[in-house]
Amino acid sequence: MQTFTANEAKTRFGEFIDLAPKEPVRVMRRDRVAGVMVSANDYEAMRAFYANRLQHSLVSSAEQARAQGLTAELLTALLADES
């Protein structure tokens, strides 16, 4: 992975953009990672991966709640603001 300082990324932006489709490019600012540029395809793949993971977690949580006896009506009552 190539690493640029924030200033280098600004002054060498064309090179920075050209590298991203080939490999992730890390940007450092004050000795900390400020960001990483990746190709559009990699970004979309990451978004799909995390969306799928979130969907799986939601389904799993719903199944566990249902197994514990949580119904839509009980959930509505628990979430009602009656204070």
PDB file of N, CA and C in Angstrom:
ATOM      1  N   MET A   1       0.858  -1.178   0.000  1.00  0.00           N
ATOM      2  CA  MET A   1       0.000   0.000   0.000  1.00  0.00           C
ATOM      3  C   MET A   1       0.896   1.230   0.000  1.00  0.00           C
ATOM      4  N   GLN A   2       0.640   2.119  -0.929  1.00  0.00           N
ATOM      5  CA  GLN A   2       1.368   3.381  -0.994  1.00  0.00           C
ATOM      6  C   GLN A   2       0.873   4.303   0.118  1.00  0.00           C
ATOM      7  N   THR A   3       1.768   5.113   0.622  1.00  0.00           N
ATOM      8  CA  THR A   3       1.410   6.076   1.665  1.00  0.00           C
ATOM      9  C   THR A   3       1.844   7.467   1.232  1.00  0.00           C
ATOM     10  N   PHE A   4       0.934   8.412   1.366  1.00  0.00           N
ATOM     11  CA  PHE A   4       1.201   9.817   1.064  1.00  0.00           C
ATOM     12  C   PHE A   4       0.920  10.621   2.328  1.00  0.00           C
ATOM     13  N   THR A   5       1.664  11.699   2.505  1.00  0.00           N
ATOM     14  CA  THR A   5       1.248  12.663   3.528  1.00  0.00           C
ATOM     15  C   THR A   5       0.070  13.434   2.930  1.00  0.00           C
ATOM     16  N   ALA A   6      -0.666  14.122   3.760  1.00  0.00           N
ATOM     17  CA  ALA A   6      -1.789  14.917   3.256  1.00  0.00           C
ATOM     18  C   ALA A   6      -1.300  15.956   2.249  1.00  0.00           C
ATOM     19  N   ASN A   7      -0.161  16.553   2.527  1.00  0.00           N
ATOM     20  CA  ASN A   7       0.388  17.552   1.610  1.00  0.00           C
ATOM     21  C   ASN A   7       0.787  16.917   0.271  1.00  0.00           C
ATOM     22  N   GLU A   8       1.411  15.738   0.325  1.00  0.00           N
ATOM     23  CA  GLU A   8       1.774  15.043  -0.905  1.00  0.00           C
ATOM     24  C   GLU A   8       0.527  14.665  -1.711  1.00  0.00           C
ATOM     25  N   ALA A   9      -0.498  14.217  -1.027  1.00  0.00           N
ATOM     26  CA  ALA A   9      -1.737  13.843  -1.711  1.00  0.00           C
ATOM     27  C   ALA A   9      -2.334  15.050  -2.425  1.00  0.00           C
ATOM     28  N   LYS A  10      -2.200  16.201  -1.809  1.00  0.00           N
ATOM     29  CA  LYS A  10      -2.725  17.429  -2.415  1.00  0.00           C
ATOM     30  C   LYS A  10      -1.883  17.843  -3.621  1.00  0.00           C
ATOM     31  N   THR A  11      -0.581  17.849  -3.452  1.00  0.00           N
ATOM     32  CA  THR A  11       0.285  18.346  -4.528  1.00  0.00           C
ATOM     33  C   THR A  11       0.493  17.329  -5.644  1.00  0.00           C
ATOM     34  N   ARG A  12       0.323  16.029  -5.337  1.00  0.00           N
ATOM     35  CA  ARG A  12       0.505  14.975  -6.342  1.00  0.00           C
ATOM     36  C   ARG A  12      -0.813  14.247  -6.596  1.00  0.00           C
ATOM     37  N   PHE A  13      -1.905  15.013  -6.628  1.00  0.00           N
ATOM     38  CA  PHE A  13      -3.238  14.427  -6.696  1.00  0.00           C
ATOM     39  C   PHE A  13      -3.431  13.528  -7.914  1.00  0.00           C
ATOM     40  N   GLY A  14      -2.899  13.907  -9.051  1.00  0.00           N
ATOM     41  CA  GLY A  14      -3.036  13.083 -10.258  1.00  0.00           C
ATOM     42  C   GLY A  14      -2.435  11.697 -10.055  1.00  0.00           C
ATOM     43  N   GLU A  15      -1.246  11.646  -9.490  1.00  0.00           N
ATOM     44  CA  GLU A  15      -0.592  10.366  -9.201  1.00  0.00           C
ATOM     45  C   GLU A  15      -1.400   9.583  -8.168  1.00  0.00           C
ATOM     46  N   PHE A  16      -1.873  10.294  -7.175  1.00  0.00           N
ATOM     47  CA  PHE A  16      -2.699   9.702  -6.109  1.00  0.00           C
ATOM     48  C   PHE A  16      -3.920   9.009  -6.710  1.00  0.00           C
ATOM     49  N   ILE A  17      -4.633   9.714  -7.599  1.00  0.00           N
ATOM     50  CA  ILE A  17      -5.829   9.179  -8.251  1.00  0.00           C
ATOM     51  C   ILE A  17      -5.470   7.987  -9.151  1.00  0.00           C
ATOM     52  N   ASP A  18      -4.356   8.080  -9.851  1.00  0.00           N
ATOM     53  CA  ASP A  18      -3.943   6.993 -10.749  1.00  0.00           C
ATOM     54  C   ASP A  18      -3.580   5.718  -9.996  1.00  0.00           C
ATOM     55  N   LEU A  19      -3.074   5.838  -8.788  1.00  0.00           N
ATOM     56  CA  LEU A  19      -2.682   4.658  -8.006  1.00  0.00           C
ATOM     57  C   LEU A  19      -3.882   3.929  -7.407  1.00  0.00           C
ATOM     58  N   ALA A  20      -4.925   4.648  -7.043  1.00  0.00           N
ATOM     59  CA  ALA A  20      -6.056   4.057  -6.318  1.00  0.00           C
ATOM     60  C   ALA A  20      -6.705   2.859  -7.016  1.00  0.00           C
ATOM     61  N   PRO A  21      -6.871   2.859  -8.338  1.00  0.00           N
ATOM     62  CA  PRO A  21      -7.459   1.671  -8.964  1.00  0.00           C
ATOM     63  C   PRO A  21      -6.560   0.429  -8.885  1.00  0.00           C
ATOM     64  N   LYS A  22      -5.271   0.638  -8.648  1.00  0.00           N
ATOM     65  CA  LYS A  22      -4.315  -0.471  -8.605  1.00  0.00           C
ATOM     66  C   LYS A  22      -4.148  -1.039  -7.200  1.00  0.00           C
ATOM     67  N   GLU A  23      -4.181  -0.142  -6.209  1.00  0.00           N
ATOM     68  CA  GLU A  23      -3.996  -0.561  -4.816  1.00  0.00           C
ATOM     69  C   GLU A  23      -4.503   0.555  -3.903  1.00  0.00           C
ATOM     70  N   PRO A  24      -4.886   0.208  -2.680  1.00  0.00           N
ATOM     71  CA  PRO A  24      -5.305   1.262  -1.748  1.00  0.00           C
ATOM     72  C   PRO A  24      -4.159   2.243  -1.509  1.00  0.00           C
ATOM     73  N   VAL A  25      -4.505   3.503  -1.302  1.00  0.00           N
ATOM     74  CA  VAL A  25      -3.516   4.546  -1.046  1.00  0.00           C
ATOM     75  C   VAL A  25      -3.867   5.206   0.281  1.00  0.00           C
ATOM     76  N   ARG A  26      -2.942   5.128   1.218  1.00  0.00           N
ATOM     77  CA  ARG A  26      -3.154   5.671   2.556  1.00  0.00           C
ATOM     78  C   ARG A  26      -2.675   7.111   2.615  1.00  0.00           C
ATOM     79  N   VAL A  27      -3.429   7.954   3.324  1.00  0.00           N
ATOM     80  CA  VAL A  27      -3.052   9.358   3.524  1.00  0.00           C
ATOM     81  C   VAL A  27      -2.807   9.567   5.013  1.00  0.00           C
ATOM     82  N   MET A  28      -1.624  10.073   5.330  1.00  0.00           N
ATOM     83  CA  MET A  28      -1.241  10.315   6.719  1.00  0.00           C
ATOM     84  C   MET A  28      -1.281  11.812   7.008  1.00  0.00           C
ATOM     85  N   ARG A  29      -1.726  12.133   8.188  1.00  0.00           N
ATOM     86  CA  ARG A  29      -1.716  13.524   8.648  1.00  0.00           C
ATOM     87  C   ARG A  29      -1.336  13.519  10.119  1.00  0.00           C
ATOM     88  N   ARG A  30      -0.287  14.246  10.437  1.00  0.00           N
ATOM     89  CA  ARG A  30       0.229  14.304  11.813  1.00  0.00           C
ATOM     90  C   ARG A  30       0.496  12.899  12.370  1.00  0.00           C
ATOM     91  N   ASP A  31       1.149  12.081  11.555  1.00  0.00           N
ATOM     92  CA  ASP A  31       1.538  10.713  11.936  1.00  0.00           C
ATOM     93  C   ASP A  31       0.361   9.798  12.252  1.00  0.00           C
ATOM     94  N   ARG A  32      -0.810  10.119  11.704  1.00  0.00           N
ATOM     95  CA  ARG A  32      -1.985   9.263  11.883  1.00  0.00           C
ATOM     96  C   ARG A  32      -2.633   9.052  10.519  1.00  0.00           C
ATOM     97  N   VAL A  33      -3.281   7.915  10.345  1.00  0.00           N
ATOM     98  CA  VAL A  33      -3.979   7.662   9.087  1.00  0.00           C
ATOM     99  C   VAL A  33      -5.212   8.554   9.042  1.00  0.00           C
ATOM    100  N   ALA A  34      -5.257   9.423   8.031  1.00  0.00           N
ATOM    101  CA  ALA A  34      -6.391  10.328   7.870  1.00  0.00           C
ATOM    102  C   ALA A  34      -7.450   9.711   6.958  1.00  0.00           C
ATOM    103  N   GLY A  35      -7.016   8.846   6.055  1.00  0.00           N
ATOM    104  CA  GLY A  35      -7.957   8.209   5.149  1.00  0.00           C
ATOM    105  C   GLY A  35      -7.245   7.261   4.219  1.00  0.00           C
ATOM    106  N   VAL A  36      -8.050   6.502   3.492  1.00  0.00           N
ATOM    107  CA  VAL A  36      -7.525   5.568   2.509  1.00  0.00           C
ATOM    108  C   VAL A  36      -8.381   5.685   1.259  1.00  0.00           C
ATOM    109  N   MET A  37      -7.738   5.852   0.120  1.00  0.00           N
ATOM    110  CA  MET A  37      -8.484   5.882  -1.136  1.00  0.00           C
ATOM    111  C   MET A  37      -8.377   4.511  -1.771  1.00  0.00           C
ATOM    112  N   VAL A  38      -9.532   3.996  -2.194  1.00  0.00           N
ATOM    113  CA  VAL A  38      -9.578   2.709  -2.881  1.00  0.00           C
ATOM    114  C   VAL A  38     -10.316   2.888  -4.202  1.00  0.00           C
ATOM    115  N   SER A  39     -10.229   1.900  -5.057  1.00  0.00           N
ATOM    116  CA  SER A  39     -10.929   1.965  -6.335  1.00  0.00           C
ATOM    117  C   SER A  39     -12.438   1.957  -6.091  1.00  0.00           C
ATOM    118  N   ALA A  40     -13.180   2.435  -7.070  1.00  0.00           N
ATOM    119  CA  ALA A  40     -14.642   2.436  -6.970  1.00  0.00           C
ATOM    120  C   ALA A  40     -15.166   1.011  -6.825  1.00  0.00           C
ATOM    121  N   ASN A  41     -14.562   0.057  -7.540  1.00  0.00           N
ATOM    122  CA  ASN A  41     -14.998  -1.343  -7.427  1.00  0.00           C
ATOM    123  C   ASN A  41     -14.765  -1.895  -6.026  1.00  0.00           C
ATOM    124  N   ASP A  42     -13.603  -1.604  -5.450  1.00  0.00           N
ATOM    125  CA  ASP A  42     -13.327  -2.064  -4.088  1.00  0.00           C
ATOM    126  C   ASP A  42     -14.291  -1.431  -3.094  1.00  0.00           C
ATOM    127  N   TYR A  43     -14.569  -0.151  -3.275  1.00  0.00           N
ATOM    128  CA  TYR A  43     -15.493   0.548  -2.385  1.00  0.00           C
ATOM    129  C   TYR A  43     -16.883  -0.093  -2.442  1.00  0.00           C
ATOM    130  N   GLU A  44     -17.379  -0.349  -3.649  1.00  0.00           N
ATOM    131  CA  GLU A  44     -18.697  -0.970  -3.793  1.00  0.00           C
ATOM    132  C   GLU A  44     -18.714  -2.369  -3.192  1.00  0.00           C
ATOM    133  N   ALA A  45     -17.630  -3.120  -3.367  1.00  0.00           N
ATOM    134  CA  ALA A  45     -17.542  -4.463  -2.779  1.00  0.00           C
ATOM    135  C   ALA A  45     -17.578  -4.384  -1.252  1.00  0.00           C
ATOM    136  N   MET A  46     -16.881  -3.406  -0.677  1.00  0.00           N
ATOM    137  CA  MET A  46     -16.900  -3.240   0.786  1.00  0.00           C
ATOM    138  C   MET A  46     -18.294  -2.855   1.272  1.00  0.00           C
ATOM    139  N   ARG A  47     -18.955  -1.947   0.543  1.00  0.00           N
ATOM    140  CA  ARG A  47     -20.313  -1.549   0.916  1.00  0.00           C
ATOM    141  C   ARG A  47     -21.253  -2.747   0.886  1.00  0.00           C
ATOM    142  N   ALA A  48     -21.159  -3.560  -0.151  1.00  0.00           N
ATOM    143  CA  ALA A  48     -22.020  -4.745  -0.261  1.00  0.00           C
ATOM    144  C   ALA A  48     -21.724  -5.730   0.865  1.00  0.00           C
ATOM    145  N   PHE A  49     -20.443  -5.930   1.179  1.00  0.00           N
ATOM    146  CA  PHE A  49     -20.055  -6.837   2.251  1.00  0.00           C
ATOM    147  C   PHE A  49     -20.651  -6.394   3.582  1.00  0.00           C
ATOM    148  N   TYR A  50     -20.497  -5.117   3.926  1.00  0.00           N
ATOM    149  CA  TYR A  50     -21.000  -4.630   5.210  1.00  0.00           C
ATOM    150  C   TYR A  50     -22.525  -4.566   5.248  1.00  0.00           C
ATOM    151  N   ALA A  51     -23.158  -4.284   4.119  1.00  0.00           N
ATOM    152  CA  ALA A  51     -24.624  -4.308   4.080  1.00  0.00           C
ATOM    153  C   ALA A  51     -25.126  -5.726   4.318  1.00  0.00           C
ATOM    154  N   ASN A  52     -24.466  -6.702   3.702  1.00  0.00           N
ATOM    155  CA  ASN A  52     -24.843  -8.096   3.893  1.00  0.00           C
ATOM    156  C   ASN A  52     -24.631  -8.515   5.345  1.00  0.00           C
ATOM    157  N   ARG A  53     -23.516  -8.102   5.916  1.00  0.00           N
ATOM    158  CA  ARG A  53     -23.220  -8.420   7.321  1.00  0.00           C
ATOM    159  C   ARG A  53     -24.259  -7.799   8.256  1.00  0.00           C
ATOM    160  N   LEU A  54     -24.642  -6.557   7.992  1.00  0.00           N
ATOM    161  CA  LEU A  54     -25.666  -5.901   8.805  1.00  0.00           C
ATOM    162  C   LEU A  54     -26.996  -6.624   8.669  1.00  0.00           C
ATOM    163  N   GLN A  55     -27.370  -6.979   7.450  1.00  0.00           N
ATOM    164  CA  GLN A  55     -28.618  -7.704   7.230  1.00  0.00           C
ATOM    165  C   GLN A  55     -28.621  -9.018   8.001  1.00  0.00           C
ATOM    166  N   HIS A  56     -27.519  -9.746   7.962  1.00  0.00           N
ATOM    167  CA  HIS A  56     -27.411 -11.005   8.701  1.00  0.00           C
ATOM    168  C   HIS A  56     -27.558 -10.768  10.205  1.00  0.00           C
ATOM    169  N   SER A  57     -26.928  -9.720  10.721  1.00  0.00           N
ATOM    170  CA  SER A  57     -27.031  -9.405  12.153  1.00  0.00           C
ATOM    171  C   SER A  57     -28.460  -9.062  12.545  1.00  0.00           C
ATOM    172  N   LEU A  58     -29.140  -8.306  11.696  1.00  0.00           N
ATOM    173  CA  LEU A  58     -30.534  -7.944  11.994  1.00  0.00           C
ATOM    174  C   LEU A  58     -31.437  -9.169  12.005  1.00  0.00           C
ATOM    175  N   VAL A  59     -31.257 -10.049  11.039  1.00  0.00           N
ATOM    176  CA  VAL A  59     -32.060 -11.278  10.983  1.00  0.00           C
ATOM    177  C   VAL A  59     -31.779 -12.134  12.202  1.00  0.00           C
ATOM    178  N   SER A  60     -30.519 -12.277  12.554  1.00  0.00           N
ATOM    179  CA  SER A  60     -30.139 -13.075  13.720  1.00  0.00           C
ATOM    180  C   SER A  60     -30.719 -12.490  15.005  1.00  0.00           C
ATOM    181  N   SER A  61     -30.647 -11.178  15.156  1.00  0.00           N
ATOM    182  CA  SER A  61     -31.206 -10.518  16.345  1.00  0.00           C
ATOM    183  C   SER A  61     -32.714 -10.721  16.422  1.00  0.00           C
ATOM    184  N   ALA A  62     -33.385 -10.597  15.289  1.00  0.00           N
ATOM    185  CA  ALA A  62     -34.836 -10.797  15.260  1.00  0.00           C
ATOM    186  C   ALA A  62     -35.195 -12.217  15.641  1.00  0.00           C
ATOM    187  N   GLU A  63     -34.440 -13.188  15.140  1.00  0.00           N
ATOM    188  CA  GLU A  63     -34.692 -14.592  15.485  1.00  0.00           C
ATOM    189  C   GLU A  63     -34.489 -14.845  16.975  1.00  0.00           C
ATOM    190  N   GLN A  64     -33.435 -14.268  17.542  1.00  0.00           N
ATOM    191  CA  GLN A  64     -33.176 -14.429  18.976  1.00  0.00           C
ATOM    192  C   GLN A  64     -34.278 -13.782  19.804  1.00  0.00           C
ATOM    193  N   ALA A  65     -34.712 -12.589  19.400  1.00  0.00           N
ATOM    194  CA  ALA A  65     -35.778 -11.897  20.123  1.00  0.00           C
ATOM    195  C   ALA A  65     -37.068 -12.702  20.059  1.00  0.00           C
ATOM    196  N   ARG A  66     -37.390 -13.228  18.896  1.00  0.00           N
ATOM    197  CA  ARG A  66     -38.599 -14.033  18.730  1.00  0.00           C
ATOM    198  C   ARG A  66     -38.524 -15.291  19.597  1.00  0.00           C
ATOM    199  N   ALA A  67     -37.346 -15.927  19.644  1.00  0.00           N
ATOM    200  CA  ALA A  67     -37.160 -17.130  20.468  1.00  0.00           C
ATOM    201  C   ALA A  67     -37.330 -16.829  21.953  1.00  0.00           C
ATOM    202  N   GLN A  68     -37.053 -15.590  22.352  1.00  0.00           N
ATOM    203  CA  GLN A  68     -37.204 -15.176  23.745  1.00  0.00           C
ATOM    204  C   GLN A  68     -38.613 -14.675  24.058  1.00  0.00           C
ATOM    205  N   GLY A  69     -39.490 -14.707  23.050  1.00  0.00           N
ATOM    206  CA  GLY A  69     -40.877 -14.327  23.279  1.00  0.00           C
ATOM    207  C   GLY A  69     -41.227 -12.889  22.954  1.00  0.00           C
ATOM    208  N   LEU A  70     -40.337 -12.177  22.307  1.00  0.00           N
ATOM    209  CA  LEU A  70     -40.633 -10.796  21.955  1.00  0.00           C
ATOM    210  C   LEU A  70     -41.556 -10.766  20.743  1.00  0.00           C
ATOM    211  N   THR A  71     -42.671 -10.094  20.885  1.00  0.00           N
ATOM    212  CA  THR A  71     -43.614  -9.930  19.780  1.00  0.00           C
ATOM    213  C   THR A  71     -43.616  -8.463  19.352  1.00  0.00           C
ATOM    214  N   ALA A  72     -44.237  -8.197  18.213  1.00  0.00           N
ATOM    215  CA  ALA A  72     -44.338  -6.816  17.736  1.00  0.00           C
ATOM    216  C   ALA A  72     -45.110  -5.966  18.739  1.00  0.00           C
ATOM    217  N   GLU A  73     -46.150  -6.547  19.314  1.00  0.00           N
ATOM    218  CA  GLU A  73     -46.960  -5.803  20.286  1.00  0.00           C
ATOM    219  C   GLU A  73     -46.161  -5.487  21.550  1.00  0.00           C
ATOM    220  N   LEU A  74     -45.422  -6.466  22.041  1.00  0.00           N
ATOM    221  CA  LEU A  74     -44.608  -6.249  23.237  1.00  0.00           C
ATOM    222  C   LEU A  74     -43.511  -5.220  22.969  1.00  0.00           C
ATOM    223  N   LEU A  75     -42.915  -5.289  21.802  1.00  0.00           N
ATOM    224  CA  LEU A  75     -41.879  -4.323  21.451  1.00  0.00           C
ATOM    225  C   LEU A  75     -42.465  -2.906  21.394  1.00  0.00           C
ATOM    226  N   THR A  76     -43.646  -2.767  20.797  1.00  0.00           N
ATOM    227  CA  THR A  76     -44.304  -1.466  20.723  1.00  0.00           C
ATOM    228  C   THR A  76     -44.572  -0.942  22.129  1.00  0.00           C
ATOM    229  N   ALA A  77     -45.041  -1.787  23.006  1.00  0.00           N
ATOM    230  CA  ALA A  77     -45.315  -1.375  24.398  1.00  0.00           C
ATOM    231  C   ALA A  77     -44.020  -0.991  25.110  1.00  0.00           C
ATOM    232  N   LEU A  78     -42.968  -1.738  24.902  1.00  0.00           N
ATOM    233  CA  LEU A  78     -41.693  -1.432  25.551  1.00  0.00           C
ATOM    234  C   LEU A  78     -41.108  -0.104  25.057  1.00  0.00           C
ATOM    235  N   LEU A  79     -41.334   0.201  23.784  1.00  0.00           N
ATOM    236  CA  LEU A  79     -40.781   1.416  23.211  1.00  0.00           C
ATOM    237  C   LEU A  79     -41.682   2.644  23.361  1.00  0.00           C
ATOM    238  N   ALA A  80     -42.903   2.427  23.844  1.00  0.00           N
ATOM    239  CA  ALA A  80     -43.836   3.544  24.000  1.00  0.00           C
ATOM    240  C   ALA A  80     -43.286   4.538  25.020  1.00  0.00           C
ATOM    241  N   ASP A  81     -43.430   5.799  24.697  1.00  0.00           N
ATOM    242  CA  ASP A  81     -42.956   6.847  25.591  1.00  0.00           C
ATOM    243  C   ASP A  81     -44.096   7.220  26.534  1.00  0.00           C
ATOM    244  N   GLU A  82     -44.112   6.614  27.696  1.00  0.00           N
ATOM    245  CA  GLU A  82     -45.194   6.856  28.653  1.00  0.00           C
ATOM    246  C   GLU A  82     -44.700   7.586  29.885  1.00  0.00           C
ATOM    247  N   SER A  83     -43.600   8.306  29.784  1.00  0.00           N
ATOM    248  CA  SER A  83     -43.083   8.988  30.969  1.00  0.00           C
ATOM    249  C   SER A  83     -43.739  10.304  31.209  1.00  0.00           C
TER     250      SER A  83
END
